[in-house]
PDB file of N, CA and C in Angstrom:
ATOM      1  N   VAL A   1      28.508-112.630 -32.550  1.00  0.00           N
ATOM      2  CA  VAL A   1      27.614-111.818 -33.372  1.00  0.00           C
ATOM      3  C   VAL A   1      28.465-111.040 -34.377  1.00  0.00           C
ATOM      4  N   ASN A   2      28.144-111.211 -35.662  1.00  0.00           N
ATOM      5  CA  ASN A   2      28.861-110.524 -36.732  1.00  0.00           C
ATOM      6  C   ASN A   2      28.171-109.250 -37.190  1.00  0.00           C
ATOM      7  N   CYS A   3      26.839-109.185 -37.036  1.00  0.00           N
ATOM      8  CA  CYS A   3      26.116-108.037 -37.580  1.00  0.00           C
ATOM      9  C   CYS A   3      24.779-107.864 -36.863  1.00  0.00           C
ATOM     10  N   LEU A   4      24.273-106.625 -36.934  1.00  0.00           N
ATOM     11  CA  LEU A   4      22.990-106.266 -36.327  1.00  0.00           C
ATOM     12  C   LEU A   4      22.218-105.375 -37.294  1.00  0.00           C
ATOM     13  N   LEU A   5      20.885-105.453 -37.239  1.00  0.00           N
ATOM     14  CA  LEU A   5      20.038-104.593 -38.061  1.00  0.00           C
ATOM     15  C   LEU A   5      18.718-104.379 -37.341  1.00  0.00           C
ATOM     16  N   ILE A   6      18.247-103.139 -37.303  1.00  0.00           N
ATOM     17  CA  ILE A   6      16.928-102.830 -36.761  1.00  0.00           C
ATOM     18  C   ILE A   6      15.895-103.113 -37.845  1.00  0.00           C
ATOM     19  N   VAL A   7      14.886-103.923 -37.516  1.00  0.00           N
ATOM     20  CA  VAL A   7      13.789-104.251 -38.439  1.00  0.00           C
ATOM     21  C   VAL A   7      12.491-104.005 -37.685  1.00  0.00           C
ATOM     22  N   GLY A   8      11.818-102.903 -38.017  1.00  0.00           N
ATOM     23  CA  GLY A   8      10.594-102.546 -37.296  1.00  0.00           C
ATOM     24  C   GLY A   8      10.902-102.291 -35.835  1.00  0.00           C
ATOM     25  N   ASP A   9      10.230-103.006 -34.938  1.00  0.00           N
ATOM     26  CA  ASP A   9      10.461-102.873 -33.498  1.00  0.00           C
ATOM     27  C   ASP A   9      11.435-103.915 -32.966  1.00  0.00           C
ATOM     28  N   ASN A  10      12.070-104.663 -33.851  1.00  0.00           N
ATOM     29  CA  ASN A  10      12.985-105.734 -33.438  1.00  0.00           C
ATOM     30  C   ASN A  10      14.399-105.454 -33.915  1.00  0.00           C
ATOM     31  N   ILE A  11      15.342-106.176 -33.320  1.00  0.00           N
ATOM     32  CA  ILE A  11      16.719-106.139 -33.790  1.00  0.00           C
ATOM     33  C   ILE A  11      17.106-107.541 -34.226  1.00  0.00           C
ATOM     34  N   TRP A  12      17.723-107.632 -35.381  1.00  0.00           N
ATOM     35  CA  TRP A  12      18.188-108.908 -35.915  1.00  0.00           C
ATOM     36  C   TRP A  12      19.683-109.016 -35.654  1.00  0.00           C
ATOM     37  N   SER A  13      20.126-110.211 -35.250  1.00  0.00           N
ATOM     38  CA  SER A  13      21.549-110.481 -35.068  1.00  0.00           C
ATOM     39  C   SER A  13      21.937-111.657 -35.947  1.00  0.00           C
ATOM     40  N   GLY A  14      23.114-111.573 -36.528  1.00  0.00           N
ATOM     41  CA  GLY A  14      23.632-112.662 -37.354  1.00  0.00           C
ATOM     42  C   GLY A  14      24.986-113.088 -36.840  1.00  0.00           C
ATOM     43  N   GLY A  15      25.216-114.395 -36.812  1.00  0.00           N
ATOM     44  CA  GLY A  15      26.470-114.884 -36.261  1.00  0.00           C
ATOM     45  C   GLY A  15      27.096-116.015 -37.048  1.00  0.00           C
ATOM     46  N   ALA A  16      28.264-116.424 -36.582  1.00  0.00           N
ATOM     47  CA  ALA A  16      29.031-117.482 -37.232  1.00  0.00           C
ATOM     48  C   ALA A  16      28.357-118.847 -37.119  1.00  0.00           C
ATOM     49  N   ASP A  17      27.351-118.973 -36.265  1.00  0.00           N
ATOM     50  CA  ASP A  17      26.668-120.256 -36.070  1.00  0.00           C
ATOM     51  C   ASP A  17      25.574-120.510 -37.115  1.00  0.00           C
ATOM     52  N   SER A  18      25.498-119.687 -38.155  1.00  0.00           N
ATOM     53  CA  SER A  18      24.536-119.802 -39.265  1.00  0.00           C
ATOM     54  C   SER A  18      23.100-119.477 -38.852  1.00  0.00           C
ATOM     55  N   ARG A  19      22.938-118.771 -37.751  1.00  0.00           N
ATOM     56  CA  ARG A  19      21.602-118.429 -37.277  1.00  0.00           C
ATOM     57  C   ARG A  19      21.390-116.925 -37.246  1.00  0.00           C
ATOM     58  N   ILE A  20      20.140-116.548 -37.463  1.00  0.00           N
ATOM     59  CA  ILE A  20      19.712-115.168 -37.283  1.00  0.00           C
ATOM     60  C   ILE A  20      18.778-115.147 -36.083  1.00  0.00           C
ATOM     61  N   GLY A  21      19.103-114.310 -35.125  1.00  0.00           N
ATOM     62  CA  GLY A  21      18.237-114.141 -33.964  1.00  0.00           C
ATOM     63  C   GLY A  21      17.412-112.877 -34.128  1.00  0.00           C
ATOM     64  N   ILE A  22      16.139-112.957 -33.795  1.00  0.00           N
ATOM     65  CA  ILE A  22      15.274-111.784 -33.805  1.00  0.00           C
ATOM     66  C   ILE A  22      14.906-111.491 -32.352  1.00  0.00           C
ATOM     67  N   TRP A  23      15.198-110.266 -31.921  1.00  0.00           N
ATOM     68  CA  TRP A  23      15.066-109.863 -30.525  1.00  0.00           C
ATOM     69  C   TRP A  23      14.102-108.701 -30.406  1.00  0.00           C
ATOM     70  N   ASN A  24      13.301-108.690 -29.343  1.00  0.00           N
ATOM     71  CA  ASN A  24      12.417-107.541 -29.117  1.00  0.00           C
ATOM     72  C   ASN A  24      13.168-106.482 -28.312  1.00  0.00           C
ATOM     73  N   LYS A  25      12.520-105.340 -28.076  1.00  0.00           N
ATOM     74  CA  LYS A  25      13.196-104.234 -27.392  1.00  0.00           C
ATOM     75  C   LYS A  25      13.453-104.503 -25.915  1.00  0.00           C
ATOM     76  N   LYS A  26      12.881-105.578 -25.373  1.00  0.00           N
ATOM     77  CA  LYS A  26      13.172-105.991 -24.000  1.00  0.00           C
ATOM     78  C   LYS A  26      14.396-106.903 -23.939  1.00  0.00           C
ATOM     79  N   GLY A  27      14.950-107.240 -25.120  1.00  0.00           N
ATOM     80  CA  GLY A  27      16.104-108.127 -25.164  1.00  0.00           C
ATOM     81  C   GLY A  27      15.735-109.597 -25.186  1.00  0.00           C
ATOM     82  N   GLU A  28      14.461-109.894 -25.422  1.00  0.00           N
ATOM     83  CA  GLU A  28      14.003-111.286 -25.465  1.00  0.00           C
ATOM     84  C   GLU A  28      14.112-111.817 -26.894  1.00  0.00           C
ATOM     85  N   ASN A  29      14.646-113.014 -27.020  1.00  0.00           N
ATOM     86  CA  ASN A  29      14.738-113.656 -28.329  1.00  0.00           C
ATOM     87  C   ASN A  29      13.358-114.175 -28.717  1.00  0.00           C
ATOM     88  N   VAL A  30      12.800-113.642 -29.811  1.00  0.00           N
ATOM     89  CA  VAL A  30      11.452-114.025 -30.220  1.00  0.00           C
ATOM     90  C   VAL A  30      11.450-115.042 -31.361  1.00  0.00           C
ATOM     91  N   LYS A  31      12.580-115.182 -32.066  1.00  0.00           N
ATOM     92  CA  LYS A  31      12.648-116.155 -33.153  1.00  0.00           C
ATOM     93  C   LYS A  31      14.102-116.413 -33.505  1.00  0.00           C
ATOM     94  N   VAL A  32      14.368-117.639 -33.932  1.00  0.00           N
ATOM     95  CA  VAL A  32      15.674-118.010 -34.471  1.00  0.00           C
ATOM     96  C   VAL A  32      15.452-118.541 -35.877  1.00  0.00           C
ATOM     97  N   CYS A  33      16.178-117.982 -36.836  1.00  0.00           N
ATOM     98  CA  CYS A  33      16.072-118.387 -38.238  1.00  0.00           C
ATOM     99  C   CYS A  33      17.352-119.114 -38.641  1.00  0.00           C
ATOM    100  N   GLU A  34      17.198-120.265 -39.266  1.00  0.00           N
ATOM    101  CA  GLU A  34      18.339-121.038 -39.751  1.00  0.00           C
ATOM    102  C   GLU A  34      18.654-120.623 -41.184  1.00  0.00           C
ATOM    103  N   THR A  35      19.917-120.314 -41.463  1.00  0.00           N
ATOM    104  CA  THR A  35      20.303-119.890 -42.807  1.00  0.00           C
ATOM    105  C   THR A  35      20.859-121.022 -43.646  1.00  0.00           C
ATOM    106  N   GLY A  36      21.237-122.119 -43.032  1.00  0.00           N
ATOM    107  CA  GLY A  36      21.901-123.203 -43.746  1.00  0.00           C
ATOM    108  C   GLY A  36      23.242-123.455 -43.085  1.00  0.00           C
ATOM    109  N   ALA A  37      24.290-123.579 -43.867  1.00  0.00           N
ATOM    110  CA  ALA A  37      25.597-123.921 -43.324  1.00  0.00           C
ATOM    111  C   ALA A  37      26.496-122.721 -43.077  1.00  0.00           C
ATOM    112  N   GLY A  38      26.217-121.593 -43.704  1.00  0.00           N
ATOM    113  CA  GLY A  38      27.138-120.469 -43.638  1.00  0.00           C
ATOM    114  C   GLY A  38      26.874-119.514 -42.499  1.00  0.00           C
ATOM    115  N   GLY A  39      27.946-118.935 -41.986  1.00  0.00           N
ATOM    116  CA  GLY A  39      27.826-117.894 -40.985  1.00  0.00           C
ATOM    117  C   GLY A  39      27.305-116.609 -41.603  1.00  0.00           C
ATOM    118  N   VAL A  40      26.526-115.866 -40.842  1.00  0.00           N
ATOM    119  CA  VAL A  40      25.932-114.616 -41.330  1.00  0.00           C
ATOM    120  C   VAL A  40      26.962-113.502 -41.190  1.00  0.00           C
ATOM    121  N   MET A  41      27.313-112.878 -42.325  1.00  0.00           N
ATOM    122  CA  MET A  41      28.342-111.839 -42.345  1.00  0.00           C
ATOM    123  C   MET A  41      27.761-110.431 -42.226  1.00  0.00           C
ATOM    124  N   CYS A  42      26.595-110.198 -42.860  1.00  0.00           N
ATOM    125  CA  CYS A  42      26.025-108.850 -42.844  1.00  0.00           C
ATOM    126  C   CYS A  42      24.562-108.887 -43.272  1.00  0.00           C
ATOM    127  N   PHE A  43      23.883-107.769 -43.011  1.00  0.00           N
ATOM    128  CA  PHE A  43      22.490-107.557 -43.412  1.00  0.00           C
ATOM    129  C   PHE A  43      22.393-106.281 -44.234  1.00  0.00           C
ATOM    130  N   ALA A  44      21.334-106.201 -45.046  1.00  0.00           N
ATOM    131  CA  ALA A  44      20.977-104.949 -45.721  1.00  0.00           C
ATOM    132  C   ALA A  44      19.483-104.984 -46.022  1.00  0.00           C
ATOM    133  N   PRO A  45      18.780-103.878 -45.766  1.00  0.00           N
ATOM    134  CA  PRO A  45      17.357-103.816 -46.114  1.00  0.00           C
ATOM    135  C   PRO A  45      17.179-103.376 -47.564  1.00  0.00           C
ATOM    136  N   LEU A  46      16.150-103.910 -48.205  1.00  0.00           N
ATOM    137  CA  LEU A  46      15.792-103.484 -49.564  1.00  0.00           C
ATOM    138  C   LEU A  46      14.282-103.577 -49.688  1.00  0.00           C
ATOM    139  N   ASP A  47      13.631-102.428 -49.842  1.00  0.00           N
ATOM    140  CA  ASP A  47      12.171-102.356 -49.911  1.00  0.00           C
ATOM    141  C   ASP A  47      11.581-103.039 -48.683  1.00  0.00           C
ATOM    142  N   ASP A  48      10.752-104.062 -48.863  1.00  0.00           N
ATOM    143  CA  ASP A  48      10.122-104.757 -47.739  1.00  0.00           C
ATOM    144  C   ASP A  48      10.861-106.037 -47.356  1.00  0.00           C
ATOM    145  N   THR A  49      12.102-106.175 -47.788  1.00  0.00           N
ATOM    146  CA  THR A  49      12.859-107.395 -47.508  1.00  0.00           C
ATOM    147  C   THR A  49      14.155-107.062 -46.772  1.00  0.00           C
ATOM    148  N   ILE A  50      14.702-108.085 -46.141  1.00  0.00           N
ATOM    149  CA  ILE A  50      15.997-108.006 -45.488  1.00  0.00           C
ATOM    150  C   ILE A  50      16.872-109.052 -46.149  1.00  0.00           C
ATOM    151  N   TRP A  51      18.068-108.654 -46.534  1.00  0.00           N
ATOM    152  CA  TRP A  51      19.008-109.568 -47.173  1.00  0.00           C
ATOM    153  C   TRP A  51      20.122-109.891 -46.196  1.00  0.00           C
ATOM    154  N   SER A  52      20.584-111.131 -46.231  1.00  0.00           N
ATOM    155  CA  SER A  52      21.738-111.527 -45.431  1.00  0.00           C
ATOM    156  C   SER A  52      22.761-112.177 -46.351  1.00  0.00           C
ATOM    157  N   ALA A  53      24.031-111.930 -46.064  1.00  0.00           N
ATOM    158  CA  ALA A  53      25.126-112.556 -46.802  1.00  0.00           C
ATOM    159  C   ALA A  53      25.798-113.562 -45.884  1.00  0.00           C
ATOM    160  N   LEU A  54      26.115-114.718 -46.449  1.00  0.00           N
ATOM    161  CA  LEU A  54      26.696-115.806 -45.678  1.00  0.00           C
ATOM    162  C   LEU A  54      28.114-116.095 -46.140  1.00  0.00           C
ATOM    163  N   ASP A  55      28.934-116.622 -45.238  1.00  0.00           N
ATOM    164  CA  ASP A  55      30.318-116.901 -45.609  1.00  0.00           C
ATOM    165  C   ASP A  55      30.479-118.156 -46.464  1.00  0.00           C
ATOM    166  N   ASP A  56      29.362-118.818 -46.815  1.00  0.00           N
ATOM    167  CA  ASP A  56      29.419-119.957 -47.732  1.00  0.00           C
ATOM    168  C   ASP A  56      28.993-119.557 -49.152  1.00  0.00           C
ATOM    169  N   LYS A  57      29.047-118.252 -49.448  1.00  0.00           N
ATOM    170  CA  LYS A  57      28.765-117.690 -50.775  1.00  0.00           C
ATOM    171  C   LYS A  57      27.277-117.644 -51.119  1.00  0.00           C
ATOM    172  N   HIS A  58      26.403-117.745 -50.119  1.00  0.00           N
ATOM    173  CA  HIS A  58      24.955-117.619 -50.330  1.00  0.00           C
ATOM    174  C   HIS A  58      24.468-116.251 -49.873  1.00  0.00           C
ATOM    175  N   VAL A  59      23.404-115.814 -50.503  1.00  0.00           N
ATOM    176  CA  VAL A  59      22.656-114.635 -50.074  1.00  0.00           C
ATOM    177  C   VAL A  59      21.228-115.092 -49.847  1.00  0.00           C
ATOM    178  N   CYS A  60      20.640-114.659 -48.736  1.00  0.00           N
ATOM    179  CA  CYS A  60      19.251-115.005 -48.425  1.00  0.00           C
ATOM    180  C   CYS A  60      18.419-113.724 -48.376  1.00  0.00           C
ATOM    181  N   MET A  61      17.188-113.821 -48.844  1.00  0.00           N
ATOM    182  CA  MET A  61      16.244-112.717 -48.780  1.00  0.00           C
ATOM    183  C   MET A  61      15.125-113.142 -47.830  1.00  0.00           C
ATOM    184  N   TRP A  62      14.780-112.270 -46.875  1.00  0.00           N
ATOM    185  CA  TRP A  62      13.828-112.570 -45.810  1.00  0.00           C
ATOM    186  C   TRP A  62      12.705-111.540 -45.805  1.00  0.00           C
ATOM    187  N   ASN A  63      11.545-111.943 -45.290  1.00  0.00           N
ATOM    188  CA  ASN A  63      10.531-110.939 -44.984  1.00  0.00           C
ATOM    189  C   ASN A  63      10.744-110.485 -43.541  1.00  0.00           C
ATOM    190  N   SER A  64      10.010-109.484 -43.105  1.00  0.00           N
ATOM    191  CA  SER A  64      10.229-108.930 -41.769  1.00  0.00           C
ATOM    192  C   SER A  64       9.820-109.868 -40.637  1.00  0.00           C
ATOM    193  N   ASN A  65       9.122-110.967 -40.964  1.00  0.00           N
ATOM    194  CA  ASN A  65       8.756-111.978 -39.963  1.00  0.00           C
ATOM    195  C   ASN A  65       9.821-113.051 -39.800  1.00  0.00           C
ATOM    196  N   GLY A  66      10.916-112.947 -40.565  1.00  0.00           N
ATOM    197  CA  GLY A  66      11.990-113.927 -40.463  1.00  0.00           C
ATOM    198  C   GLY A  66      11.755-115.169 -41.292  1.00  0.00           C
ATOM    199  N   GLU A  67      10.938-115.077 -42.324  1.00  0.00           N
ATOM    200  CA  GLU A  67      10.712-116.210 -43.226  1.00  0.00           C
ATOM    201  C   GLU A  67      11.598-116.040 -44.454  1.00  0.00           C
ATOM    202  N   CYS A  68      12.373-117.069 -44.777  1.00  0.00           N
ATOM    203  CA  CYS A  68      13.267-117.007 -45.929  1.00  0.00           C
ATOM    204  C   CYS A  68      12.446-117.068 -47.213  1.00  0.00           C
ATOM    205  N   LEU A  69      12.604-116.056 -48.049  1.00  0.00           N
ATOM    206  CA  LEU A  69      11.888-115.991 -49.315  1.00  0.00           C
ATOM    207  C   LEU A  69      12.716-116.559 -50.460  1.00  0.00           C
ATOM    208  N   ARG A  70      14.048-116.466 -50.330  1.00  0.00           N
ATOM    209  CA  ARG A  70      14.930-116.961 -51.387  1.00  0.00           C
ATOM    210  C   ARG A  70      16.325-117.164 -50.819  1.00  0.00           C
ATOM    211  N   ARG A  71      17.002-118.209 -51.286  1.00  0.00           N
ATOM    212  CA  ARG A  71      18.395-118.478 -50.919  1.00  0.00           C
ATOM    213  C   ARG A  71      19.127-118.781 -52.210  1.00  0.00           C
ATOM    214  N   THR A  72      20.144-118.000 -52.527  1.00  0.00           N
ATOM    215  CA  THR A  72      20.828-118.103 -53.803  1.00  0.00           C
ATOM    216  C   THR A  72      22.336-118.186 -53.585  1.00  0.00           C
ATOM    217  N   HIS A  73      22.996-119.018 -54.371  1.00  0.00           N
ATOM    218  CA  HIS A  73      24.448-119.176 -54.315  1.00  0.00           C
ATOM    219  C   HIS A  73      25.099-118.280 -55.364  1.00  0.00           C
ATOM    220  N   ALA A  74      26.227-117.671 -55.011  1.00  0.00           N
ATOM    221  CA  ALA A  74      26.915-116.772 -55.938  1.00  0.00           C
ATOM    222  C   ALA A  74      27.501-117.520 -57.128  1.00  0.00           C
ATOM    223  N   GLY A  75      27.888-118.770 -56.949  1.00  0.00           N
ATOM    224  CA  GLY A  75      28.455-119.559 -58.043  1.00  0.00           C
ATOM    225  C   GLY A  75      29.851-119.111 -58.413  1.00  0.00           C
ATOM    226  N   GLY A  76      30.472-119.869 -59.289  1.00  0.00           N
ATOM    227  CA  GLY A  76      31.789-119.519 -59.815  1.00  0.00           C
ATOM    228  C   GLY A  76      32.876-119.482 -58.767  1.00  0.00           C
ATOM    229  N   GLU A  77      33.860-118.659 -59.042  1.00  0.00           N
ATOM    230  CA  GLU A  77      35.048-118.555 -58.198  1.00  0.00           C
ATOM    231  C   GLU A  77      34.967-117.393 -57.213  1.00  0.00           C
ATOM    232  N   VAL A  78      33.767-117.023 -56.823  1.00  0.00           N
ATOM    233  CA  VAL A  78      33.564-115.903 -55.909  1.00  0.00           C
ATOM    234  C   VAL A  78      34.051-116.279 -54.518  1.00  0.00           C
ATOM    235  N   GLY A  79      34.704-115.335 -53.843  1.00  0.00           N
ATOM    236  CA  GLY A  79      35.090-115.547 -52.451  1.00  0.00           C
ATOM    237  C   GLY A  79      33.882-115.386 -51.543  1.00  0.00           C
ATOM    238  N   PHE A  80      34.104-115.484 -50.226  1.00  0.00           N
ATOM    239  CA  PHE A  80      32.955-115.336 -49.329  1.00  0.00           C
ATOM    240  C   PHE A  80      32.426-113.901 -49.401  1.00  0.00           C
ATOM    241  N   ILE A  81      31.117-113.768 -49.256  1.00  0.00           N
ATOM    242  CA  ILE A  81      30.456-112.468 -49.371  1.00  0.00           C
ATOM    243  C   ILE A  81      30.610-111.729 -48.044  1.00  0.00           C
ATOM    244  N   SER A  82      31.192-110.547 -48.115  1.00  0.00           N
ATOM    245  CA  SER A  82      31.507-109.812 -46.892  1.00  0.00           C
ATOM    246  C   SER A  82      30.638-108.580 -46.668  1.00  0.00           C
ATOM    247  N   CYS A  83      29.937-108.111 -47.723  1.00  0.00           N
ATOM    248  CA  CYS A  83      29.118-106.920 -47.539  1.00  0.00           C
ATOM    249  C   CYS A  83      27.990-106.879 -48.569  1.00  0.00           C
ATOM    250  N   LEU A  84      26.930-106.160 -48.215  1.00  0.00           N
ATOM    251  CA  LEU A  84      25.771-105.954 -49.094  1.00  0.00           C
ATOM    252  C   LEU A  84      25.472-104.460 -49.161  1.00  0.00           C
ATOM    253  N   CYS A  85      24.961-104.024 -50.318  1.00  0.00           N
ATOM    254  CA  CYS A  85      24.620-102.614 -50.478  1.00  0.00           C
ATOM    255  C   CYS A  85      23.418-102.478 -51.404  1.00  0.00           C
ATOM    256  N   PRO A  86      22.294-101.961 -50.891  1.00  0.00           N
ATOM    257  CA  PRO A  86      21.152-101.701 -51.773  1.00  0.00           C
ATOM    258  C   PRO A  86      21.421-100.442 -52.591  1.00  0.00           C
ATOM    259  N   PHE A  87      21.014-100.479 -53.876  1.00  0.00           N
ATOM    260  CA  PHE A  87      21.223 -99.334 -54.750  1.00  0.00           C
ATOM    261  C   PHE A  87      20.123 -99.274 -55.796  1.00  0.00           C
ATOM    262  N   LYS A  88      19.261 -98.263 -55.691  1.00  0.00           N
ATOM    263  CA  LYS A  88      18.194 -98.020 -56.656  1.00  0.00           C
ATOM    264  C   LYS A  88      17.384 -99.277 -56.981  1.00  0.00           C
ATOM    265  N   GLY A  89      16.903 -99.954 -55.942  1.00  0.00           N
ATOM    266  CA  GLY A  89      16.044-101.120 -56.117  1.00  0.00           C
ATOM    267  C   GLY A  89      16.769-102.416 -56.421  1.00  0.00           C
ATOM    268  N   THR A  90      18.088-102.402 -56.387  1.00  0.00           N
ATOM    269  CA  THR A  90      18.871-103.611 -56.624  1.00  0.00           C
ATOM    270  C   THR A  90      19.748-103.891 -55.409  1.00  0.00           C
ATOM    271  N   MET A  91      20.290-105.105 -55.325  1.00  0.00           N
ATOM    272  CA  MET A  91      21.198-105.452 -54.239  1.00  0.00           C
ATOM    273  C   MET A  91      22.543-105.860 -54.830  1.00  0.00           C
ATOM    274  N   TRP A  92      23.586-105.281 -54.280  1.00  0.00           N
ATOM    275  CA  TRP A  92      24.963-105.575 -54.679  1.00  0.00           C
ATOM    276  C   TRP A  92      25.679-106.220 -53.503  1.00  0.00           C
ATOM    277  N   SER A  93      26.630-107.082 -53.818  1.00  0.00           N
ATOM    278  CA  SER A  93      27.470-107.657 -52.773  1.00  0.00           C
ATOM    279  C   SER A  93      28.931-107.479 -53.154  1.00  0.00           C
ATOM    280  N   GLY A  94      29.752-107.447 -52.124  1.00  0.00           N
ATOM    281  CA  GLY A  94      31.202-107.456 -52.299  1.00  0.00           C
ATOM    282  C   GLY A  94      31.742-108.714 -51.661  1.00  0.00           C
ATOM    283  N   SER A  95      32.788-109.269 -52.280  1.00  0.00           N
ATOM    284  CA  SER A  95      33.327-110.530 -51.760  1.00  0.00           C
ATOM    285  C   SER A  95      34.827-110.433 -51.479  1.00  0.00           C
ATOM    286  N   SER A  96      35.320-111.431 -50.786  1.00  0.00           N
ATOM    287  CA  SER A  96      36.713-111.439 -50.345  1.00  0.00           C
ATOM    288  C   SER A  96      37.708-111.502 -51.500  1.00  0.00           C
ATOM    289  N   ASP A  97      37.236-111.808 -52.700  1.00  0.00           N
ATOM    290  CA  ASP A  97      38.132-111.847 -53.863  1.00  0.00           C
ATOM    291  C   ASP A  97      38.111-110.531 -54.646  1.00  0.00           C
ATOM    292  N   HIS A  98      37.611-109.456 -54.030  1.00  0.00           N
ATOM    293  CA  HIS A  98      37.604-108.102 -54.593  1.00  0.00           C
ATOM    294  C   HIS A  98      36.602-107.913 -55.723  1.00  0.00           C
ATOM    295  N   ASN A  99      35.574-108.733 -55.792  1.00  0.00           N
ATOM    296  CA  ASN A  99      34.567-108.618 -56.843  1.00  0.00           C
ATOM    297  C   ASN A  99      33.248-108.101 -56.297  1.00  0.00           C
ATOM    298  N   LEU A 100      32.478-107.450 -57.178  1.00  0.00           N
ATOM    299  CA  LEU A 100      31.118-107.034 -56.894  1.00  0.00           C
ATOM    300  C   LEU A 100      30.168-107.931 -57.674  1.00  0.00           C
ATOM    301  N   HIS A 101      28.982-108.141 -57.106  1.00  0.00           N
ATOM    302  CA  HIS A 101      27.985-108.987 -57.777  1.00  0.00           C
ATOM    303  C   HIS A 101      26.617-108.322 -57.650  1.00  0.00           C
ATOM    304  N   LEU A 102      25.884-108.240 -58.752  1.00  0.00           N
ATOM    305  CA  LEU A 102      24.517-107.726 -58.765  1.00  0.00           C
ATOM    306  C   LEU A 102      23.570-108.910 -58.637  1.00  0.00           C
ATOM    307  N   TRP A 103      22.693-108.859 -57.617  1.00  0.00           N
ATOM    308  CA  TRP A 103      21.723-109.939 -57.388  1.00  0.00           C
ATOM    309  C   TRP A 103      20.403-109.532 -58.023  1.00  0.00           C
ATOM    310  N   GLU A 104      19.836-110.423 -58.804  1.00  0.00           N
ATOM    311  CA  GLU A 104      18.586-110.117 -59.505  1.00  0.00           C
ATOM    312  C   GLU A 104      17.470-111.004 -59.010  1.00  0.00           C
TER     313      GLU A 104
END
């Protein structure tokens, strides 16, 4: 497990196996979400969405039910995305090559 985030009454876990697990407060896995090929590095909430960053240079946007709303590649010579930060209605990421990226 690389990261955890509380979403409503559930906890989301992200791991190197490219999956997001959604767990209830009893510790029961209620859903598994597939992200693609990349391991999940981190989560960040923004408004009514949850964003995940993957080590294959993708960012995914999810609703609180674990449905992927968008999957976008950073493109270019960006390193793997290691962190996300919501800021005034926008989402920023930081990558292993010391760059920041604004996601629109």
